[in-house]
């Protein structure tokens, strides 16, 4: 299977999740920007997948990333970010969402388990109330220190700035 085959639209995912629930499979849902894929993303998604039987990852659209991270982001466009996330062995399905937060998607897909990073408190975790009200659970996963797209961008800028200053360029 090609990574692109794991990328689904909302209607397709709705049918997949409904079938999974009928088969008593635990659907795990998480979301994020996944701008520059790094080891923190891989470990987070592996941990998310270990919580259930099927992992659905919702990727923020380019417009949504700009709203959250500012006009200079994303670095990688949404179609490529989706394909990279879909290529990971632990990810079953990927979709893009264009709303300010994933609540409409969570409400529609009705996952058994909602996963977010430990940097989100339960009261700030979008969809937590809805998932718990339906009998599901919310899991917060520890993040890998210094593994973030923002930190990678900062490190690249620092190193190239130092290089340019050392060579007299710039």
N, C-alpha and C. Protein backbone atom coordinates (compact mmCIF):
# COMPACT_ATOMS: atom_id res chain seq x y z
N UNK A 1 0.84 -1.18 0.00
CA UNK A 1 0.00 0.00 0.00
C UNK A 1 0.89 1.25 0.00
N UNK A 2 0.52 2.19 -0.81
CA UNK A 2 1.23 3.47 -0.85
C UNK A 2 0.71 4.38 0.25
N UNK A 3 1.58 5.24 0.72
CA UNK A 3 1.19 6.18 1.78
C UNK A 3 -0.03 6.99 1.35
N UNK A 4 -0.05 7.42 0.09
CA UNK A 4 -1.17 8.24 -0.39
C UNK A 4 -2.51 7.53 -0.26
N UNK A 5 -2.50 6.19 -0.27
CA UNK A 5 -3.74 5.43 -0.15
C UNK A 5 -4.35 5.52 1.25
N UNK A 6 -3.55 5.92 2.23
CA UNK A 6 -4.04 6.07 3.60
C UNK A 6 -4.71 7.43 3.83
N UNK A 7 -4.58 8.34 2.88
CA UNK A 7 -5.16 9.68 3.03
C UNK A 7 -6.60 9.62 2.55
N UNK A 8 -7.51 9.99 3.43
CA UNK A 8 -8.94 9.86 3.16
C UNK A 8 -9.65 11.19 3.37
N UNK A 9 -10.81 11.32 2.74
CA UNK A 9 -11.64 12.49 3.03
C UNK A 9 -12.54 12.15 4.21
N UNK A 10 -13.27 13.12 4.68
CA UNK A 10 -14.07 12.96 5.89
C UNK A 10 -15.14 11.87 5.72
N UNK A 11 -15.78 11.84 4.57
CA UNK A 11 -16.83 10.84 4.35
C UNK A 11 -16.25 9.43 4.39
N UNK A 12 -15.11 9.23 3.76
CA UNK A 12 -14.46 7.91 3.78
C UNK A 12 -14.07 7.51 5.20
N UNK A 13 -13.50 8.46 5.93
CA UNK A 13 -13.10 8.17 7.32
C UNK A 13 -14.30 7.88 8.21
N UNK A 14 -15.38 8.58 7.99
CA UNK A 14 -16.59 8.35 8.76
C UNK A 14 -17.05 6.90 8.59
N UNK A 15 -17.08 6.42 7.36
CA UNK A 15 -17.49 5.03 7.08
C UNK A 15 -16.50 4.04 7.69
N UNK A 16 -15.21 4.32 7.59
CA UNK A 16 -14.18 3.44 8.16
C UNK A 16 -14.33 3.35 9.68
N UNK A 17 -14.53 4.48 10.32
CA UNK A 17 -14.67 4.50 11.79
C UNK A 17 -15.97 3.83 12.23
N UNK A 18 -17.03 4.02 11.47
CA UNK A 18 -18.30 3.37 11.81
C UNK A 18 -18.14 1.84 11.74
N UNK A 19 -17.51 1.35 10.69
CA UNK A 19 -17.26 -0.09 10.55
C UNK A 19 -16.38 -0.60 11.68
N UNK A 20 -15.35 0.17 12.02
CA UNK A 20 -14.45 -0.23 13.12
C UNK A 20 -15.22 -0.34 14.43
N UNK A 21 -16.09 0.63 14.71
CA UNK A 21 -16.89 0.58 15.94
C UNK A 21 -17.81 -0.63 15.95
N UNK A 22 -18.41 -0.93 14.80
CA UNK A 22 -19.29 -2.11 14.70
C UNK A 22 -18.52 -3.40 14.99
N UNK A 23 -17.24 -3.41 14.63
CA UNK A 23 -16.38 -4.58 14.87
C UNK A 23 -15.73 -4.53 16.25
N UNK A 24 -16.13 -3.54 17.05
CA UNK A 24 -15.63 -3.35 18.41
C UNK A 24 -14.12 -3.06 18.44
N UNK A 25 -13.64 -2.39 17.41
CA UNK A 25 -12.25 -1.94 17.38
C UNK A 25 -12.16 -0.57 18.04
N UNK A 26 -11.04 -0.32 18.71
CA UNK A 26 -10.84 0.97 19.37
C UNK A 26 -10.15 1.93 18.41
N UNK A 27 -10.89 2.95 18.00
CA UNK A 27 -10.36 3.98 17.10
C UNK A 27 -9.66 5.03 17.94
N UNK A 28 -8.41 5.30 17.60
CA UNK A 28 -7.61 6.33 18.27
C UNK A 28 -7.52 7.52 17.32
N UNK A 29 -7.70 8.70 17.87
CA UNK A 29 -7.66 9.93 17.08
C UNK A 29 -6.65 10.89 17.67
N UNK A 30 -5.87 11.50 16.82
CA UNK A 30 -5.02 12.61 17.24
C UNK A 30 -4.90 13.58 16.08
N UNK A 31 -4.37 14.74 16.36
CA UNK A 31 -4.23 15.75 15.31
C UNK A 31 -2.99 16.60 15.57
N UNK A 32 -2.58 17.31 14.54
CA UNK A 32 -1.45 18.22 14.68
C UNK A 32 -1.05 18.81 13.35
N UNK A 33 -0.07 19.69 13.40
CA UNK A 33 0.45 20.35 12.19
C UNK A 33 1.43 19.44 11.45
N UNK A 34 2.31 18.78 12.18
CA UNK A 34 3.31 17.88 11.60
C UNK A 34 4.08 18.57 10.47
N UNK A 35 4.57 19.78 10.77
CA UNK A 35 5.19 20.60 9.73
C UNK A 35 6.52 20.03 9.27
N UNK A 36 7.47 19.91 10.15
CA UNK A 36 8.74 19.26 9.82
C UNK A 36 8.78 17.96 10.62
N UNK A 37 8.58 16.86 9.95
CA UNK A 37 8.49 15.57 10.63
C UNK A 37 9.80 15.26 11.35
N UNK A 38 9.70 14.89 12.63
CA UNK A 38 10.89 14.62 13.44
C UNK A 38 10.62 13.47 14.40
N UNK A 39 11.64 13.08 15.16
CA UNK A 39 11.54 11.92 16.05
C UNK A 39 10.45 12.09 17.10
N UNK A 40 10.19 13.29 17.52
CA UNK A 40 9.11 13.52 18.47
C UNK A 40 7.76 13.12 17.90
N UNK A 41 7.54 13.45 16.62
CA UNK A 41 6.31 13.04 15.96
C UNK A 41 6.21 11.51 15.88
N UNK A 42 7.30 10.87 15.48
CA UNK A 42 7.29 9.41 15.32
C UNK A 42 6.97 8.74 16.65
N UNK A 43 7.66 9.13 17.71
CA UNK A 43 7.42 8.50 19.02
C UNK A 43 6.02 8.79 19.53
N UNK A 44 5.54 9.99 19.32
CA UNK A 44 4.19 10.37 19.73
C UNK A 44 3.16 9.51 19.01
N UNK A 45 3.30 9.39 17.70
CA UNK A 45 2.32 8.62 16.92
C UNK A 45 2.41 7.13 17.22
N UNK A 46 3.60 6.62 17.47
CA UNK A 46 3.72 5.21 17.88
C UNK A 46 3.02 4.97 19.21
N UNK A 47 3.20 5.89 20.14
CA UNK A 47 2.54 5.77 21.45
C UNK A 47 1.02 5.88 21.30
N UNK A 48 0.57 6.78 20.42
CA UNK A 48 -0.86 6.93 20.18
C UNK A 48 -1.44 5.64 19.62
N UNK A 49 -0.76 5.06 18.65
CA UNK A 49 -1.25 3.82 18.02
C UNK A 49 -1.34 2.68 19.02
N UNK A 50 -0.45 2.66 20.00
CA UNK A 50 -0.44 1.58 21.00
C UNK A 50 -1.67 1.63 21.91
N UNK A 51 -2.43 2.71 21.84
CA UNK A 51 -3.61 2.87 22.69
C UNK A 51 -4.84 2.15 22.15
N UNK A 52 -4.81 1.75 20.89
CA UNK A 52 -6.00 1.14 20.30
C UNK A 52 -5.69 0.30 19.08
N UNK A 53 -6.71 0.12 18.25
CA UNK A 53 -6.61 -0.78 17.10
C UNK A 53 -6.42 -0.08 15.77
N UNK A 54 -6.75 1.20 15.71
CA UNK A 54 -6.74 1.94 14.46
C UNK A 54 -6.39 3.39 14.77
N UNK A 55 -5.35 3.93 14.15
CA UNK A 55 -4.95 5.31 14.42
C UNK A 55 -5.32 6.22 13.25
N UNK A 56 -6.14 7.22 13.55
CA UNK A 56 -6.53 8.25 12.59
C UNK A 56 -5.81 9.54 13.00
N UNK A 57 -5.09 10.12 12.05
CA UNK A 57 -4.37 11.37 12.31
C UNK A 57 -4.95 12.47 11.43
N UNK A 58 -5.42 13.52 12.07
CA UNK A 58 -5.94 14.68 11.36
C UNK A 58 -4.82 15.73 11.30
N UNK A 59 -4.51 16.18 10.10
CA UNK A 59 -3.43 17.14 9.88
C UNK A 59 -4.05 18.51 9.59
N UNK A 60 -3.56 19.53 10.29
CA UNK A 60 -4.05 20.88 10.06
C UNK A 60 -3.78 21.31 8.62
N UNK A 61 -4.75 21.95 8.00
CA UNK A 61 -4.57 22.51 6.66
C UNK A 61 -3.52 23.62 6.72
N UNK A 62 -3.04 24.02 5.55
CA UNK A 62 -2.07 25.12 5.50
C UNK A 62 -2.64 26.39 6.14
N UNK A 63 -3.90 26.69 5.82
CA UNK A 63 -4.52 27.90 6.39
C UNK A 63 -4.61 27.80 7.91
N UNK A 64 -4.95 26.63 8.40
CA UNK A 64 -5.05 26.42 9.85
C UNK A 64 -3.69 26.57 10.52
N UNK A 65 -2.64 26.04 9.90
CA UNK A 65 -1.28 26.18 10.46
C UNK A 65 -0.90 27.66 10.53
N UNK A 66 -1.20 28.41 9.47
CA UNK A 66 -0.88 29.85 9.47
C UNK A 66 -1.58 30.56 10.62
N UNK A 67 -2.83 30.19 10.89
CA UNK A 67 -3.57 30.80 12.00
C UNK A 67 -2.90 30.50 13.34
N UNK A 68 -2.39 29.28 13.50
CA UNK A 68 -1.80 28.85 14.77
C UNK A 68 -0.36 29.32 14.92
N UNK A 69 0.44 29.17 13.85
CA UNK A 69 1.89 29.36 13.93
C UNK A 69 2.39 30.67 13.31
N UNK A 70 1.54 31.36 12.57
CA UNK A 70 1.96 32.61 11.94
C UNK A 70 2.15 32.45 10.44
N UNK A 71 2.36 33.59 9.77
CA UNK A 71 2.40 33.63 8.31
C UNK A 71 3.59 32.91 7.67
N UNK A 72 4.64 32.64 8.43
CA UNK A 72 5.81 31.97 7.85
C UNK A 72 5.67 30.45 7.83
N UNK A 73 4.61 29.94 8.41
CA UNK A 73 4.40 28.50 8.48
C UNK A 73 3.12 28.16 7.72
N UNK A 74 2.96 26.98 7.22
CA UNK A 74 3.87 25.86 7.36
C UNK A 74 5.04 25.95 6.38
N UNK A 75 6.07 25.20 6.69
CA UNK A 75 7.22 25.08 5.80
C UNK A 75 6.88 24.09 4.68
N UNK A 76 6.23 23.00 5.04
CA UNK A 76 5.85 21.94 4.11
C UNK A 76 4.34 22.03 3.85
N UNK A 77 3.93 21.98 2.58
CA UNK A 77 2.51 22.11 2.27
C UNK A 77 1.71 20.88 2.72
N UNK A 78 0.42 21.08 2.91
CA UNK A 78 -0.44 20.07 3.55
C UNK A 78 -0.44 18.72 2.84
N UNK A 79 -0.45 18.68 1.54
CA UNK A 79 -0.48 17.38 0.84
C UNK A 79 0.77 16.57 1.16
N UNK A 80 1.91 17.24 1.20
CA UNK A 80 3.16 16.56 1.52
C UNK A 80 3.21 16.15 2.99
N UNK A 81 2.72 17.02 3.88
CA UNK A 81 2.70 16.66 5.31
C UNK A 81 1.82 15.44 5.54
N UNK A 82 0.68 15.39 4.86
CA UNK A 82 -0.21 14.23 4.99
C UNK A 82 0.47 12.96 4.50
N UNK A 83 1.14 13.04 3.38
CA UNK A 83 1.81 11.86 2.83
C UNK A 83 2.94 11.37 3.73
N UNK A 84 3.69 12.29 4.30
CA UNK A 84 4.77 11.90 5.22
C UNK A 84 4.21 11.21 6.46
N UNK A 85 3.15 11.76 7.04
CA UNK A 85 2.53 11.15 8.22
C UNK A 85 1.96 9.78 7.84
N UNK A 86 1.31 9.70 6.70
CA UNK A 86 0.71 8.44 6.25
C UNK A 86 1.77 7.36 6.01
N UNK A 87 2.99 7.76 5.69
CA UNK A 87 4.06 6.79 5.42
C UNK A 87 4.54 6.08 6.68
N UNK A 88 4.20 6.60 7.85
CA UNK A 88 4.64 5.98 9.09
C UNK A 88 3.86 4.69 9.33
N UNK A 89 4.56 3.64 9.73
CA UNK A 89 3.96 2.32 9.93
C UNK A 89 2.83 2.31 10.94
N UNK A 90 2.88 3.20 11.91
CA UNK A 90 1.90 3.19 13.00
C UNK A 90 0.60 3.92 12.65
N UNK A 91 0.58 4.62 11.54
CA UNK A 91 -0.58 5.42 11.15
C UNK A 91 -1.44 4.63 10.18
N UNK A 92 -2.73 4.52 10.50
CA UNK A 92 -3.65 3.80 9.63
C UNK A 92 -4.30 4.70 8.59
N UNK A 93 -4.73 5.89 9.02
CA UNK A 93 -5.40 6.82 8.11
C UNK A 93 -5.06 8.26 8.47
N UNK A 94 -5.09 9.11 7.44
CA UNK A 94 -4.80 10.53 7.60
C UNK A 94 -5.86 11.33 6.86
N UNK A 95 -6.21 12.47 7.43
CA UNK A 95 -7.08 13.41 6.74
C UNK A 95 -6.62 14.82 7.06
N UNK A 96 -7.08 15.76 6.27
CA UNK A 96 -6.80 17.19 6.51
C UNK A 96 -8.05 17.80 7.12
N UNK A 97 -7.83 18.72 8.06
CA UNK A 97 -8.98 19.48 8.55
C UNK A 97 -8.66 20.96 8.47
N UNK A 98 -9.70 21.74 8.14
CA UNK A 98 -9.52 23.17 7.85
C UNK A 98 -10.22 24.05 8.86
N UNK A 99 -10.79 23.45 9.89
CA UNK A 99 -11.48 24.23 10.92
C UNK A 99 -10.46 24.71 11.95
N UNK A 100 -10.82 25.70 12.77
CA UNK A 100 -9.86 26.21 13.77
C UNK A 100 -9.37 25.13 14.74
N UNK A 101 -10.22 24.15 15.01
CA UNK A 101 -9.82 23.03 15.85
C UNK A 101 -10.51 21.77 15.32
N UNK A 102 -10.13 20.59 15.80
CA UNK A 102 -10.67 19.36 15.22
C UNK A 102 -12.00 18.89 15.81
N UNK A 103 -12.67 19.72 16.59
CA UNK A 103 -13.89 19.28 17.26
C UNK A 103 -14.95 18.72 16.30
N UNK A 104 -15.24 19.39 15.17
CA UNK A 104 -16.24 18.81 14.26
C UNK A 104 -15.85 17.41 13.77
N UNK A 105 -14.59 17.20 13.55
CA UNK A 105 -14.09 15.90 13.10
C UNK A 105 -14.18 14.85 14.21
N UNK A 106 -13.81 15.23 15.41
CA UNK A 106 -13.89 14.32 16.56
C UNK A 106 -15.35 13.92 16.80
N UNK A 107 -16.24 14.90 16.74
CA UNK A 107 -17.66 14.64 16.95
C UNK A 107 -18.20 13.68 15.89
N UNK A 108 -17.77 13.86 14.68
CA UNK A 108 -18.27 13.00 13.59
C UNK A 108 -17.68 11.59 13.64
N UNK A 109 -16.38 11.48 13.90
CA UNK A 109 -15.72 10.17 13.86
C UNK A 109 -15.93 9.35 15.13
N UNK A 110 -16.24 10.00 16.23
CA UNK A 110 -16.51 9.33 17.51
C UNK A 110 -15.41 8.33 17.91
N UNK A 111 -14.18 8.80 18.05
CA UNK A 111 -13.10 7.88 18.44
C UNK A 111 -13.29 7.35 19.86
N UNK A 112 -12.75 6.17 20.10
CA UNK A 112 -12.77 5.58 21.45
C UNK A 112 -11.74 6.26 22.34
N UNK A 113 -10.63 6.68 21.71
CA UNK A 113 -9.52 7.26 22.46
C UNK A 113 -9.04 8.51 21.73
N UNK A 114 -8.93 9.59 22.48
CA UNK A 114 -8.41 10.85 21.97
C UNK A 114 -7.03 11.04 22.58
N UNK A 115 -6.03 11.28 21.73
CA UNK A 115 -4.65 11.43 22.20
C UNK A 115 -4.15 12.84 21.89
N UNK A 116 -3.52 13.43 22.90
CA UNK A 116 -2.84 14.72 22.73
C UNK A 116 -1.53 14.67 23.48
N UNK A 117 -0.67 15.63 23.20
CA UNK A 117 0.59 15.72 23.91
C UNK A 117 0.38 16.16 25.34
N UNK A 118 1.34 15.80 26.19
CA UNK A 118 1.25 16.13 27.62
C UNK A 118 1.31 17.63 27.87
N UNK A 119 1.64 18.42 26.86
CA UNK A 119 1.65 19.87 27.01
C UNK A 119 0.23 20.45 27.00
N UNK A 120 -0.78 19.62 26.75
CA UNK A 120 -2.17 20.04 26.78
C UNK A 120 -2.80 19.55 28.07
N UNK A 121 -3.42 20.44 28.81
CA UNK A 121 -4.16 20.02 30.01
C UNK A 121 -5.49 19.44 29.56
N UNK A 122 -6.09 18.64 30.41
CA UNK A 122 -7.36 17.99 30.06
C UNK A 122 -8.43 19.03 29.73
N UNK A 123 -8.49 20.12 30.50
CA UNK A 123 -9.53 21.12 30.26
C UNK A 123 -9.29 21.92 28.98
N UNK A 124 -8.09 21.85 28.41
CA UNK A 124 -7.78 22.55 27.15
C UNK A 124 -7.76 21.59 25.96
N UNK A 125 -7.98 20.31 26.20
CA UNK A 125 -7.95 19.31 25.13
C UNK A 125 -9.29 19.33 24.39
N UNK A 126 -9.26 19.84 23.18
CA UNK A 126 -10.46 19.93 22.36
C UNK A 126 -11.01 18.53 22.10
N UNK A 127 -12.29 18.33 22.38
CA UNK A 127 -12.95 17.06 22.15
C UNK A 127 -12.94 16.12 23.34
N UNK A 128 -12.21 16.47 24.40
CA UNK A 128 -12.12 15.59 25.58
C UNK A 128 -13.50 15.33 26.18
N UNK A 129 -14.27 16.37 26.36
CA UNK A 129 -15.60 16.22 26.98
C UNK A 129 -16.47 15.30 26.12
N UNK A 130 -16.45 15.50 24.82
CA UNK A 130 -17.29 14.72 23.92
C UNK A 130 -16.88 13.25 23.90
N UNK A 131 -15.59 12.98 23.87
CA UNK A 131 -15.10 11.60 23.86
C UNK A 131 -15.43 10.91 25.17
N UNK A 132 -15.20 11.58 26.28
CA UNK A 132 -15.49 10.99 27.59
C UNK A 132 -16.99 10.78 27.79
N UNK A 133 -17.79 11.73 27.34
CA UNK A 133 -19.24 11.62 27.46
C UNK A 133 -19.75 10.38 26.72
N UNK A 134 -19.08 10.01 25.62
CA UNK A 134 -19.48 8.84 24.82
C UNK A 134 -18.87 7.55 25.36
N UNK A 135 -18.16 7.62 26.49
CA UNK A 135 -17.57 6.43 27.09
C UNK A 135 -16.13 6.16 26.71
N UNK A 136 -15.53 7.09 25.96
CA UNK A 136 -14.14 6.94 25.55
C UNK A 136 -13.20 7.54 26.58
N UNK A 137 -11.92 7.54 26.23
CA UNK A 137 -10.94 8.11 27.16
C UNK A 137 -9.98 9.04 26.44
N UNK A 138 -9.35 9.89 27.23
CA UNK A 138 -8.37 10.85 26.73
C UNK A 138 -7.02 10.47 27.31
N UNK A 139 -6.02 10.40 26.44
CA UNK A 139 -4.66 10.02 26.84
C UNK A 139 -3.71 11.15 26.46
N UNK A 140 -2.87 11.55 27.40
CA UNK A 140 -1.84 12.55 27.13
C UNK A 140 -0.48 11.86 27.11
N UNK A 141 0.29 12.10 26.06
CA UNK A 141 1.57 11.43 25.85
C UNK A 141 2.71 12.42 26.03
N UNK A 142 3.73 11.98 26.78
CA UNK A 142 4.91 12.81 27.00
C UNK A 142 5.59 13.14 25.68
N UNK A 143 6.07 14.35 25.58
CA UNK A 143 6.78 14.79 24.38
C UNK A 143 8.28 14.55 24.53
N UNK A 144 8.95 14.45 23.41
CA UNK A 144 10.41 14.32 23.40
C UNK A 144 10.99 15.72 23.56
N UNK A 145 11.81 15.94 24.60
CA UNK A 145 12.37 17.29 24.82
C UNK A 145 13.15 17.79 23.60
N UNK A 146 12.97 19.06 23.28
CA UNK A 146 13.66 19.75 22.18
C UNK A 146 13.36 19.18 20.80
N UNK A 147 12.37 18.30 20.69
CA UNK A 147 11.98 17.78 19.38
C UNK A 147 10.70 18.49 18.95
N UNK A 148 10.88 19.58 18.23
CA UNK A 148 9.72 20.31 17.72
C UNK A 148 10.13 20.97 16.41
N UNK A 149 9.15 21.17 15.55
CA UNK A 149 9.42 21.84 14.27
C UNK A 149 9.97 23.24 14.52
N UNK A 150 9.39 23.94 15.48
CA UNK A 150 9.85 25.29 15.81
C UNK A 150 11.32 25.27 16.23
N UNK A 151 11.68 24.33 17.09
CA UNK A 151 13.07 24.23 17.56
C UNK A 151 14.02 23.88 16.42
N UNK A 152 13.60 23.02 15.51
CA UNK A 152 14.43 22.68 14.35
C UNK A 152 14.67 23.91 13.49
N UNK A 153 13.63 24.69 13.24
CA UNK A 153 13.76 25.91 12.44
C UNK A 153 14.72 26.88 13.13
N UNK A 154 14.58 27.05 14.43
CA UNK A 154 15.48 27.94 15.19
C UNK A 154 16.92 27.47 15.08
N UNK A 155 17.15 26.17 15.20
CA UNK A 155 18.50 25.62 15.14
C UNK A 155 19.12 25.83 13.76
N UNK A 156 18.35 25.62 12.70
CA UNK A 156 18.84 25.85 11.34
C UNK A 156 19.21 27.32 11.16
N UNK A 157 18.35 28.21 11.60
CA UNK A 157 18.63 29.63 11.46
C UNK A 157 19.88 30.04 12.23
N UNK A 158 20.01 29.54 13.47
CA UNK A 158 21.20 29.85 14.29
C UNK A 158 22.47 29.38 13.58
N UNK A 159 22.48 28.17 13.11
CA UNK A 159 23.69 27.61 12.49
C UNK A 159 24.06 28.33 11.22
N UNK A 160 23.09 28.66 10.38
CA UNK A 160 23.41 29.35 9.14
C UNK A 160 23.79 30.80 9.40
N UNK A 161 23.23 31.40 10.43
CA UNK A 161 23.62 32.75 10.82
C UNK A 161 25.08 32.74 11.28
N UNK A 162 25.44 31.75 12.14
CA UNK A 162 26.83 31.62 12.61
C UNK A 162 27.77 31.37 11.45
N UNK A 163 27.38 30.52 10.52
CA UNK A 163 28.22 30.21 9.36
C UNK A 163 28.46 31.46 8.52
N UNK A 164 27.37 32.22 8.27
CA UNK A 164 27.49 33.43 7.47
C UNK A 164 28.38 34.47 8.16
N UNK A 165 28.29 34.57 9.49
CA UNK A 165 29.11 35.52 10.24
C UNK A 165 30.57 35.09 10.23
N UNK A 166 30.82 33.80 10.28
CA UNK A 166 32.19 33.27 10.30
C UNK A 166 32.89 33.41 8.97
N UNK A 167 32.14 33.49 7.87
CA UNK A 167 32.76 33.59 6.56
C UNK A 167 32.77 35.02 6.04
N UNK A 168 32.20 35.92 6.81
CA UNK A 168 32.14 37.30 6.39
C UNK A 168 30.98 37.60 5.43
N UNK A 169 30.17 36.56 5.16
CA UNK A 169 29.00 36.76 4.29
C UNK A 169 27.85 37.26 5.13
N UNK A 170 26.89 37.90 4.52
CA UNK A 170 25.63 38.20 5.15
C UNK A 170 25.54 39.45 5.84
